[in-house]
Amino acid sequence: MTPTTPEGPDQRTPDTGPRADSGAGTGSGTPTPRRIALRVGRAISFVWLFALRFVQSNVAITVEILTPRDRTSPGIVELPLRCRSRAEIATFSSLINLTPGTLTLEVRRDPPTLWVHGTHTHSAEEFRHDLWELETRMLTAWRPVDEPLPPVPPSPRGNGTGDADRPGGARESGKGDTP
């Protein structure tokens, strides 16, 4: 007997059907060695990238604490996501929170969007790009090999120079936006 997935707006996501990497198209019912190798490679790449960013962030925060000069450039950015499920959004938000110097302030599920604070946000676009790169690596590690990722969403409200209003009244900010 095959277990069934409860269907509802929050339990069923587009990727809960037959998995593309399960060999369903080959008739064998098992993943191919190539797909297994690709998934393992993607997972290792993602873990390596996150570990590297984690160490870099720790070094930057440590230097900031130990030196008398203030090099911070705090900012808040709106980040439209390509994550589809609650698990993907929660995992990505947790990865941001685990990285020193970044913090998820707000999560919106429809459409998936995060508001992220960074202590070293010299450019809103550069900060967004770094976060989207992390999201891309996470999604390629999680999703089936044959499933293409949607393109990176456009930057919200124009060029991200600090004129966008965030729910709750805070502004997207970067260096030079403090009063």
N, C-alpha and C. Protein backbone atom coordinates (compact mmCIF):
# COMPACT_ATOMS: atom_id res chain seq x y z
N MET A 1 0.85 -1.16 0.00
CA MET A 1 0.00 0.00 0.00
C MET A 1 0.90 1.23 0.00
N THR A 2 0.59 2.20 -0.83
CA THR A 2 1.38 3.42 -0.94
C THR A 2 0.83 4.48 -0.01
N PRO A 3 1.71 5.11 0.81
CA PRO A 3 1.20 6.16 1.69
C PRO A 3 0.73 7.36 0.87
N THR A 4 -0.31 8.01 1.35
CA THR A 4 -0.83 9.17 0.64
C THR A 4 -0.39 10.43 1.33
N THR A 5 -0.27 11.50 0.55
CA THR A 5 0.10 12.80 1.08
C THR A 5 -1.17 13.58 1.35
N PRO A 6 -1.33 14.09 2.58
CA PRO A 6 -2.53 14.89 2.84
C PRO A 6 -2.50 16.13 1.96
N GLU A 7 -3.61 16.40 1.31
CA GLU A 7 -3.65 17.54 0.41
C GLU A 7 -4.34 18.69 1.09
N GLY A 8 -3.76 19.82 0.97
CA GLY A 8 -4.26 21.05 1.53
C GLY A 8 -3.33 22.16 1.10
N PRO A 9 -3.73 23.40 1.29
CA PRO A 9 -2.91 24.48 0.79
C PRO A 9 -1.54 24.56 1.45
N ASP A 10 -1.39 24.07 2.70
CA ASP A 10 -0.12 24.20 3.39
C ASP A 10 0.69 22.90 3.40
N GLN A 11 0.04 21.76 3.14
CA GLN A 11 0.77 20.50 3.20
C GLN A 11 1.33 20.08 1.86
N ARG A 12 0.71 20.44 0.77
CA ARG A 12 1.14 19.96 -0.54
C ARG A 12 1.83 21.09 -1.29
N THR A 13 3.05 20.82 -1.72
CA THR A 13 3.80 21.78 -2.51
C THR A 13 4.02 21.20 -3.89
N PRO A 14 4.43 21.99 -4.85
CA PRO A 14 4.64 21.46 -6.19
C PRO A 14 5.65 20.32 -6.25
N ASP A 15 6.52 20.20 -5.25
CA ASP A 15 7.52 19.15 -5.31
C ASP A 15 7.17 17.93 -4.47
N THR A 16 5.87 17.75 -4.08
CA THR A 16 5.51 16.57 -3.30
C THR A 16 4.96 15.44 -4.16
N GLY A 17 4.92 15.63 -5.44
CA GLY A 17 4.50 14.58 -6.35
C GLY A 17 5.64 13.60 -6.57
N PRO A 18 5.56 12.76 -7.63
CA PRO A 18 6.66 11.85 -7.90
C PRO A 18 7.95 12.62 -8.14
N ARG A 19 9.01 12.20 -7.50
CA ARG A 19 10.28 12.91 -7.59
C ARG A 19 10.94 12.63 -8.94
N ALA A 20 11.47 13.69 -9.55
CA ALA A 20 12.12 13.57 -10.85
C ALA A 20 13.40 12.75 -10.75
N ASP A 21 14.04 12.74 -9.58
CA ASP A 21 15.29 12.01 -9.46
C ASP A 21 15.10 10.62 -8.85
N SER A 22 13.86 10.16 -8.75
CA SER A 22 13.61 8.85 -8.16
C SER A 22 13.64 7.73 -9.18
N GLY A 23 13.94 8.08 -10.42
CA GLY A 23 13.98 7.07 -11.45
C GLY A 23 12.61 6.77 -12.01
N ALA A 24 11.60 7.61 -11.68
CA ALA A 24 10.24 7.35 -12.13
C ALA A 24 10.15 7.33 -13.65
N GLY A 25 10.94 8.16 -14.31
CA GLY A 25 10.89 8.20 -15.76
C GLY A 25 11.63 7.04 -16.40
N THR A 26 12.51 6.36 -15.64
CA THR A 26 13.29 5.27 -16.20
C THR A 26 12.62 3.92 -15.99
N GLY A 27 11.61 3.89 -15.15
CA GLY A 27 10.91 2.64 -14.91
C GLY A 27 11.60 1.78 -13.88
N SER A 28 12.77 2.17 -13.39
CA SER A 28 13.51 1.34 -12.45
C SER A 28 13.08 1.58 -11.01
N GLY A 29 12.56 2.78 -10.70
CA GLY A 29 12.13 3.06 -9.35
C GLY A 29 13.26 3.41 -8.41
N THR A 30 14.50 3.40 -8.89
CA THR A 30 15.63 3.76 -8.04
C THR A 30 16.42 4.89 -8.70
N PRO A 31 17.05 5.73 -7.89
CA PRO A 31 17.86 6.81 -8.45
C PRO A 31 19.06 6.24 -9.21
N THR A 32 19.43 6.93 -10.26
CA THR A 32 20.59 6.49 -11.03
C THR A 32 21.86 6.95 -10.32
N PRO A 33 22.98 6.26 -10.53
CA PRO A 33 24.23 6.67 -9.88
C PRO A 33 24.64 8.10 -10.24
N ARG A 34 24.36 8.52 -11.46
CA ARG A 34 24.70 9.88 -11.89
C ARG A 34 23.93 10.91 -11.07
N ARG A 35 22.63 10.66 -10.89
CA ARG A 35 21.81 11.59 -10.12
C ARG A 35 22.22 11.62 -8.65
N ILE A 36 22.55 10.48 -8.11
CA ILE A 36 23.02 10.42 -6.73
C ILE A 36 24.31 11.22 -6.59
N ALA A 37 25.23 11.03 -7.52
CA ALA A 37 26.50 11.77 -7.47
C ALA A 37 26.27 13.27 -7.60
N LEU A 38 25.35 13.67 -8.47
CA LEU A 38 25.05 15.10 -8.62
C LEU A 38 24.46 15.67 -7.35
N ARG A 39 23.52 14.97 -6.75
CA ARG A 39 22.90 15.47 -5.51
C ARG A 39 23.92 15.56 -4.38
N VAL A 40 24.77 14.55 -4.25
CA VAL A 40 25.80 14.57 -3.22
C VAL A 40 26.78 15.72 -3.48
N GLY A 41 27.17 15.90 -4.73
CA GLY A 41 28.06 17.01 -5.08
C GLY A 41 27.45 18.36 -4.77
N ARG A 42 26.17 18.51 -5.08
CA ARG A 42 25.48 19.77 -4.78
C ARG A 42 25.40 20.00 -3.28
N ALA A 43 25.11 18.96 -2.53
CA ALA A 43 25.01 19.10 -1.07
C ALA A 43 26.37 19.48 -0.47
N ILE A 44 27.44 18.85 -0.95
CA ILE A 44 28.78 19.18 -0.46
C ILE A 44 29.15 20.62 -0.82
N SER A 45 28.81 21.03 -2.04
CA SER A 45 29.07 22.40 -2.48
C SER A 45 28.35 23.40 -1.60
N PHE A 46 27.10 23.10 -1.28
CA PHE A 46 26.31 23.99 -0.44
C PHE A 46 26.90 24.07 0.98
N VAL A 47 27.23 22.94 1.56
CA VAL A 47 27.79 22.92 2.91
C VAL A 47 29.12 23.68 2.93
N TRP A 48 29.94 23.48 1.91
CA TRP A 48 31.22 24.17 1.81
C TRP A 48 31.01 25.69 1.72
N LEU A 49 30.09 26.14 0.86
CA LEU A 49 29.82 27.56 0.71
C LEU A 49 29.33 28.16 2.03
N PHE A 50 28.39 27.48 2.68
CA PHE A 50 27.86 28.01 3.94
C PHE A 50 28.95 28.06 5.01
N ALA A 51 29.77 27.02 5.10
CA ALA A 51 30.85 27.01 6.09
C ALA A 51 31.83 28.15 5.82
N LEU A 52 32.16 28.40 4.57
CA LEU A 52 33.06 29.48 4.21
C LEU A 52 32.46 30.83 4.60
N ARG A 53 31.20 31.04 4.27
CA ARG A 53 30.53 32.30 4.65
C ARG A 53 30.41 32.45 6.16
N PHE A 54 30.19 31.36 6.84
CA PHE A 54 30.09 31.39 8.30
C PHE A 54 31.42 31.84 8.91
N VAL A 55 32.52 31.28 8.42
CA VAL A 55 33.85 31.65 8.93
C VAL A 55 34.16 33.11 8.57
N GLN A 56 33.88 33.52 7.33
CA GLN A 56 34.13 34.91 6.92
C GLN A 56 33.34 35.88 7.79
N SER A 57 32.09 35.57 8.06
CA SER A 57 31.26 36.45 8.89
C SER A 57 31.79 36.51 10.31
N ASN A 58 32.22 35.38 10.85
CA ASN A 58 32.78 35.37 12.20
C ASN A 58 34.05 36.22 12.28
N VAL A 59 34.90 36.12 11.27
CA VAL A 59 36.13 36.92 11.24
C VAL A 59 35.78 38.41 11.16
N ALA A 60 34.84 38.78 10.30
CA ALA A 60 34.45 40.19 10.17
C ALA A 60 33.88 40.73 11.47
N ILE A 61 33.05 39.97 12.15
CA ILE A 61 32.47 40.42 13.42
C ILE A 61 33.55 40.49 14.50
N THR A 62 34.45 39.52 14.53
CA THR A 62 35.54 39.52 15.50
C THR A 62 36.44 40.74 15.31
N VAL A 63 36.81 41.04 14.08
CA VAL A 63 37.62 42.22 13.78
C VAL A 63 36.88 43.48 14.21
N GLU A 64 35.60 43.52 13.96
CA GLU A 64 34.79 44.69 14.34
C GLU A 64 34.78 44.88 15.85
N ILE A 65 34.74 43.80 16.59
CA ILE A 65 34.71 43.89 18.05
C ILE A 65 36.08 44.30 18.60
N LEU A 66 37.16 43.75 18.02
CA LEU A 66 38.49 43.96 18.57
C LEU A 66 39.16 45.26 18.13
N THR A 67 38.68 45.89 17.09
CA THR A 67 39.30 47.13 16.62
C THR A 67 38.45 48.33 17.04
N PRO A 68 39.11 49.46 17.30
CA PRO A 68 38.35 50.64 17.74
C PRO A 68 37.56 51.31 16.61
N ARG A 69 37.92 51.09 15.38
CA ARG A 69 37.27 51.74 14.25
C ARG A 69 35.97 51.02 13.90
N ASP A 70 34.94 51.80 13.61
CA ASP A 70 33.64 51.23 13.24
C ASP A 70 33.56 51.10 11.72
N ARG A 71 33.53 49.86 11.24
CA ARG A 71 33.43 49.60 9.80
C ARG A 71 32.05 49.09 9.41
N THR A 72 31.11 49.14 10.34
CA THR A 72 29.79 48.62 10.03
C THR A 72 29.07 49.54 9.06
N SER A 73 28.20 48.92 8.31
CA SER A 73 27.33 49.64 7.39
C SER A 73 25.99 48.91 7.43
N PRO A 74 25.23 49.10 8.50
CA PRO A 74 23.99 48.32 8.67
C PRO A 74 22.95 48.67 7.62
N GLY A 75 22.18 47.68 7.26
CA GLY A 75 21.11 47.90 6.30
C GLY A 75 20.07 46.80 6.36
N ILE A 76 18.89 47.13 5.88
CA ILE A 76 17.79 46.18 5.80
C ILE A 76 17.38 46.09 4.34
N VAL A 77 17.27 44.86 3.82
CA VAL A 77 16.86 44.67 2.44
C VAL A 77 15.65 43.75 2.37
N GLU A 78 14.82 44.00 1.38
CA GLU A 78 13.71 43.12 1.05
C GLU A 78 14.25 42.11 0.06
N LEU A 79 14.02 40.83 0.33
CA LEU A 79 14.58 39.76 -0.49
C LEU A 79 13.47 38.84 -1.00
N PRO A 80 13.01 39.02 -2.26
CA PRO A 80 12.05 38.07 -2.83
C PRO A 80 12.74 36.71 -3.01
N LEU A 81 12.03 35.64 -2.68
CA LEU A 81 12.63 34.31 -2.71
C LEU A 81 12.09 33.45 -3.84
N ARG A 82 12.87 32.40 -4.14
CA ARG A 82 12.42 31.35 -5.05
C ARG A 82 12.00 30.11 -4.28
N CYS A 83 12.13 30.14 -2.96
CA CYS A 83 11.69 29.03 -2.11
C CYS A 83 10.18 28.88 -2.26
N ARG A 84 9.71 27.61 -2.28
CA ARG A 84 8.28 27.36 -2.45
C ARG A 84 7.62 26.85 -1.19
N SER A 85 8.28 25.98 -0.48
CA SER A 85 7.64 25.33 0.67
C SER A 85 8.02 26.02 1.97
N ARG A 86 7.24 25.72 3.00
CA ARG A 86 7.55 26.25 4.34
C ARG A 86 8.93 25.79 4.78
N ALA A 87 9.27 24.54 4.49
CA ALA A 87 10.57 24.00 4.91
C ALA A 87 11.72 24.75 4.24
N GLU A 88 11.60 25.04 2.96
CA GLU A 88 12.66 25.78 2.26
C GLU A 88 12.80 27.19 2.83
N ILE A 89 11.68 27.87 3.06
CA ILE A 89 11.72 29.23 3.60
C ILE A 89 12.31 29.22 5.01
N ALA A 90 11.87 28.28 5.84
CA ALA A 90 12.37 28.21 7.22
C ALA A 90 13.86 27.87 7.26
N THR A 91 14.29 26.96 6.40
CA THR A 91 15.70 26.60 6.37
C THR A 91 16.56 27.77 5.92
N PHE A 92 16.13 28.45 4.87
CA PHE A 92 16.89 29.59 4.38
C PHE A 92 16.95 30.70 5.42
N SER A 93 15.83 30.97 6.06
CA SER A 93 15.79 31.99 7.12
C SER A 93 16.71 31.60 8.27
N SER A 94 16.74 30.33 8.64
CA SER A 94 17.61 29.86 9.71
C SER A 94 19.09 29.99 9.32
N LEU A 95 19.41 29.70 8.07
CA LEU A 95 20.79 29.85 7.61
C LEU A 95 21.24 31.31 7.72
N ILE A 96 20.36 32.21 7.38
CA ILE A 96 20.67 33.64 7.50
C ILE A 96 20.91 33.99 8.96
N ASN A 97 20.05 33.50 9.85
CA ASN A 97 20.18 33.80 11.27
C ASN A 97 21.42 33.17 11.90
N LEU A 98 21.87 32.04 11.38
CA LEU A 98 23.07 31.39 11.90
C LEU A 98 24.35 32.13 11.51
N THR A 99 24.29 32.90 10.45
CA THR A 99 25.47 33.62 9.98
C THR A 99 25.62 34.90 10.80
N PRO A 100 26.76 35.07 11.48
CA PRO A 100 26.95 36.29 12.28
C PRO A 100 26.85 37.55 11.42
N GLY A 101 26.17 38.53 11.95
CA GLY A 101 26.03 39.80 11.24
C GLY A 101 24.80 39.90 10.37
N THR A 102 24.01 38.83 10.29
CA THR A 102 22.77 38.87 9.52
C THR A 102 21.63 38.35 10.38
N LEU A 103 20.44 38.87 10.10
CA LEU A 103 19.28 38.49 10.89
C LEU A 103 18.03 38.64 10.03
N THR A 104 17.20 37.62 10.01
CA THR A 104 15.91 37.71 9.33
C THR A 104 14.96 38.44 10.26
N LEU A 105 14.42 39.54 9.77
CA LEU A 105 13.51 40.35 10.58
C LEU A 105 12.06 39.99 10.37
N GLU A 106 11.71 39.63 9.13
CA GLU A 106 10.31 39.34 8.83
C GLU A 106 10.26 38.33 7.69
N VAL A 107 9.24 37.48 7.73
CA VAL A 107 9.02 36.47 6.70
C VAL A 107 7.61 36.63 6.16
N ARG A 108 7.49 36.68 4.84
CA ARG A 108 6.18 36.68 4.20
C ARG A 108 6.12 35.43 3.33
N ARG A 109 5.01 34.71 3.40
CA ARG A 109 4.88 33.46 2.64
C ARG A 109 4.25 33.65 1.27
N ASP A 110 3.45 34.69 1.08
CA ASP A 110 2.78 34.85 -0.20
C ASP A 110 2.86 36.29 -0.66
N PRO A 111 3.73 36.62 -1.56
CA PRO A 111 4.80 35.81 -2.15
C PRO A 111 5.95 35.64 -1.17
N PRO A 112 6.72 34.57 -1.32
CA PRO A 112 7.82 34.33 -0.38
C PRO A 112 8.83 35.48 -0.40
N THR A 113 8.96 36.15 0.73
CA THR A 113 9.84 37.31 0.85
C THR A 113 10.40 37.37 2.26
N LEU A 114 11.66 37.75 2.37
CA LEU A 114 12.29 37.98 3.67
C LEU A 114 12.75 39.43 3.75
N TRP A 115 12.76 39.96 4.95
CA TRP A 115 13.43 41.23 5.21
C TRP A 115 14.62 40.87 6.09
N VAL A 116 15.81 41.22 5.61
CA VAL A 116 17.05 40.79 6.25
C VAL A 116 17.88 42.00 6.66
N HIS A 117 18.37 41.96 7.89
CA HIS A 117 19.29 42.99 8.38
C HIS A 117 20.71 42.46 8.28
N GLY A 118 21.60 43.29 7.79
CA GLY A 118 23.02 42.94 7.73
C GLY A 118 23.85 44.04 8.36
N THR A 119 24.90 43.68 9.09
CA THR A 119 25.74 44.69 9.73
C THR A 119 26.78 45.26 8.78
N HIS A 120 27.12 44.53 7.72
CA HIS A 120 28.11 44.99 6.75
C HIS A 120 27.47 45.05 5.36
N THR A 121 26.42 45.85 5.25
CA THR A 121 25.67 45.98 4.00
C THR A 121 26.10 47.25 3.29
N HIS A 122 27.22 47.19 2.60
CA HIS A 122 27.74 48.37 1.92
C HIS A 122 26.90 48.73 0.70
N SER A 123 26.28 47.74 0.08
CA SER A 123 25.41 47.95 -1.07
C SER A 123 24.22 47.00 -0.94
N ALA A 124 23.02 47.54 -1.05
CA ALA A 124 21.82 46.71 -0.93
C ALA A 124 21.81 45.65 -2.02
N GLU A 125 22.19 46.02 -3.24
CA GLU A 125 22.18 45.05 -4.35
C GLU A 125 23.22 43.95 -4.15
N GLU A 126 24.40 44.30 -3.67
CA GLU A 126 25.44 43.31 -3.43
C GLU A 126 25.02 42.35 -2.32
N PHE A 127 24.41 42.89 -1.26
CA PHE A 127 23.93 42.07 -0.16
C PHE A 127 22.85 41.10 -0.65
N ARG A 128 21.90 41.62 -1.44
CA ARG A 128 20.85 40.77 -2.02
C ARG A 128 21.46 39.67 -2.89
N HIS A 129 22.42 40.04 -3.73
CA HIS A 129 23.06 39.07 -4.62
C HIS A 129 23.72 37.94 -3.80
N ASP A 130 24.42 38.29 -2.72
CA ASP A 130 25.05 37.27 -1.87
C ASP A 130 24.00 36.34 -1.26
N LEU A 131 22.88 36.91 -0.82
CA LEU A 131 21.82 36.08 -0.24
C LEU A 131 21.18 35.19 -1.29
N TRP A 132 20.97 35.72 -2.50
CA TRP A 132 20.40 34.90 -3.57
C TRP A 132 21.34 33.78 -3.98
N GLU A 133 22.65 34.02 -3.93
CA GLU A 133 23.61 32.96 -4.23
C GLU A 133 23.49 31.83 -3.21
N LEU A 134 23.36 32.20 -1.94
CA LEU A 134 23.17 31.19 -0.89
C LEU A 134 21.86 30.43 -1.11
N GLU A 135 20.79 31.15 -1.47
CA GLU A 135 19.51 30.50 -1.73
C GLU A 135 19.63 29.54 -2.91
N THR A 136 20.33 29.96 -3.96
CA THR A 136 20.50 29.10 -5.14
C THR A 136 21.21 27.81 -4.76
N ARG A 137 22.29 27.91 -3.99
CA ARG A 137 23.02 26.71 -3.58
C ARG A 137 22.16 25.81 -2.71
N MET A 138 21.38 26.41 -1.81
CA MET A 138 20.52 25.61 -0.95
C MET A 138 19.47 24.88 -1.78
N LEU A 139 18.82 25.60 -2.70
CA LEU A 139 17.77 24.97 -3.51
C LEU A 139 18.31 23.91 -4.44
N THR A 140 19.49 24.11 -5.02
CA THR A 140 20.04 23.07 -5.89
C THR A 140 20.45 21.84 -5.09
N ALA A 141 20.79 22.02 -3.82
CA ALA A 141 21.10 20.86 -2.98
C ALA A 141 19.84 20.11 -2.57
N TRP A 142 18.73 20.82 -2.40
CA TRP A 142 17.49 20.23 -1.91
C TRP A 142 16.62 19.65 -3.01
N ARG A 143 16.54 20.32 -4.12
CA ARG A 143 15.57 19.94 -5.15
C ARG A 143 16.12 18.86 -6.09
N PRO A 144 15.22 18.17 -6.79
CA PRO A 144 15.65 17.13 -7.72
C PRO A 144 16.61 17.67 -8.78
N VAL A 145 17.47 16.80 -9.28
CA VAL A 145 18.51 17.17 -10.24
C VAL A 145 17.91 17.77 -11.51
N ASP A 146 16.83 17.19 -12.02
CA ASP A 146 16.26 17.63 -13.29
C ASP A 146 15.37 18.86 -13.17
N GLU A 147 15.13 19.34 -11.96
CA GLU A 147 14.23 20.47 -11.78
C GLU A 147 14.99 21.79 -11.89
N PRO A 148 14.68 22.59 -12.92
CA PRO A 148 15.38 23.86 -13.06
C PRO A 148 14.88 24.87 -12.03
N LEU A 149 15.79 25.73 -11.59
CA LEU A 149 15.40 26.79 -10.66
C LEU A 149 14.84 27.96 -11.44
N PRO A 150 13.84 28.62 -10.89
CA PRO A 150 13.35 29.84 -11.55
C PRO A 150 14.43 30.91 -11.49
N PRO A 151 14.34 31.91 -12.37
CA PRO A 151 15.36 32.97 -12.34
C PRO A 151 15.27 33.78 -11.05
N VAL A 152 16.36 34.45 -10.74
CA VAL A 152 16.39 35.32 -9.56
C VAL A 152 15.36 36.43 -9.76
N PRO A 153 14.52 36.68 -8.77
CA PRO A 153 13.51 37.72 -8.92
C PRO A 153 14.15 39.10 -9.07
N PRO A 154 13.46 40.02 -9.72
CA PRO A 154 14.02 41.37 -9.83
C PRO A 154 14.07 42.03 -8.45
N SER A 155 14.97 42.99 -8.33
CA SER A 155 15.08 43.73 -7.07
C SER A 155 13.77 44.45 -6.81
N PRO A 156 13.30 44.41 -5.58
CA PRO A 156 12.03 45.07 -5.28
C PRO A 156 12.12 46.58 -5.37
N ARG A 157 11.04 47.17 -5.82
CA ARG A 157 10.88 48.63 -5.82
C ARG A 157 12.05 49.36 -6.44
N GLY A 158 12.46 48.93 -7.60
CA GLY A 158 13.50 49.68 -8.31
C GLY A 158 14.90 49.21 -7.98
N ASN A 159 15.80 50.15 -7.73
CA ASN A 159 17.21 49.81 -7.63
C ASN A 159 17.71 49.53 -6.22
N GLY A 160 16.87 49.63 -5.22
CA GLY A 160 17.29 49.29 -3.86
C GLY A 160 18.23 50.31 -3.25
N THR A 161 18.03 51.58 -3.52
CA THR A 161 18.94 52.60 -3.00
C THR A 161 18.49 53.18 -1.68
N GLY A 162 17.47 52.65 -1.08
CA GLY A 162 17.07 53.13 0.23
C GLY A 162 15.72 53.81 0.24
N ASP A 163 14.98 53.85 -0.86
CA ASP A 163 13.71 54.54 -0.92
C ASP A 163 12.52 53.62 -0.70
N ALA A 164 12.77 52.32 -0.52
CA ALA A 164 11.67 51.38 -0.39
C ALA A 164 11.19 51.33 1.05
N ASP A 165 9.89 51.35 1.23
CA ASP A 165 9.32 51.24 2.57
C ASP A 165 9.12 49.78 2.90
N ARG A 166 9.46 49.42 4.10
CA ARG A 166 9.29 48.07 4.59
C ARG A 166 8.06 48.07 5.49
N PRO A 167 7.29 46.95 5.52
CA PRO A 167 6.16 46.89 6.44
C PRO A 167 6.64 47.17 7.86
N GLY A 168 5.91 48.03 8.53
CA GLY A 168 6.31 48.40 9.87
C GLY A 168 7.02 49.74 9.91
N GLY A 169 7.28 50.33 8.74
CA GLY A 169 7.83 51.67 8.68
C GLY A 169 9.32 51.76 8.51
N ALA A 170 10.09 50.69 8.65
CA ALA A 170 11.54 50.78 8.47
C ALA A 170 11.86 50.93 6.99
N ARG A 171 13.03 51.50 6.69
CA ARG A 171 13.41 51.68 5.31
C ARG A 171 14.53 50.73 4.94
N GLU A 172 14.57 50.37 3.67
CA GLU A 172 15.72 49.64 3.18
C GLU A 172 16.86 50.61 3.26
N SER A 173 17.97 50.18 3.82
CA SER A 173 19.04 51.13 4.03
C SER A 173 20.38 50.55 3.67
N GLY A 174 21.31 51.41 3.53
CA GLY A 174 22.69 51.05 3.25
C GLY A 174 23.55 52.17 3.78
N LYS A 175 24.82 52.17 3.43
CA LYS A 175 25.76 53.17 3.91
C LYS A 175 25.28 54.57 3.53
N GLY A 176 25.28 55.45 4.47
CA GLY A 176 24.90 56.83 4.21
C GLY A 176 23.42 57.10 4.42
N ASP A 177 22.63 56.12 4.78
CA ASP A 177 21.18 56.34 4.95
C ASP A 177 20.82 56.70 6.38
N THR A 178 21.78 56.66 7.29
CA THR A 178 21.44 56.96 8.68
C THR A 178 21.30 58.46 8.86
N PRO A 179 20.36 58.91 9.68
CA PRO A 179 20.12 60.35 9.86
C PRO A 179 21.24 61.02 10.62
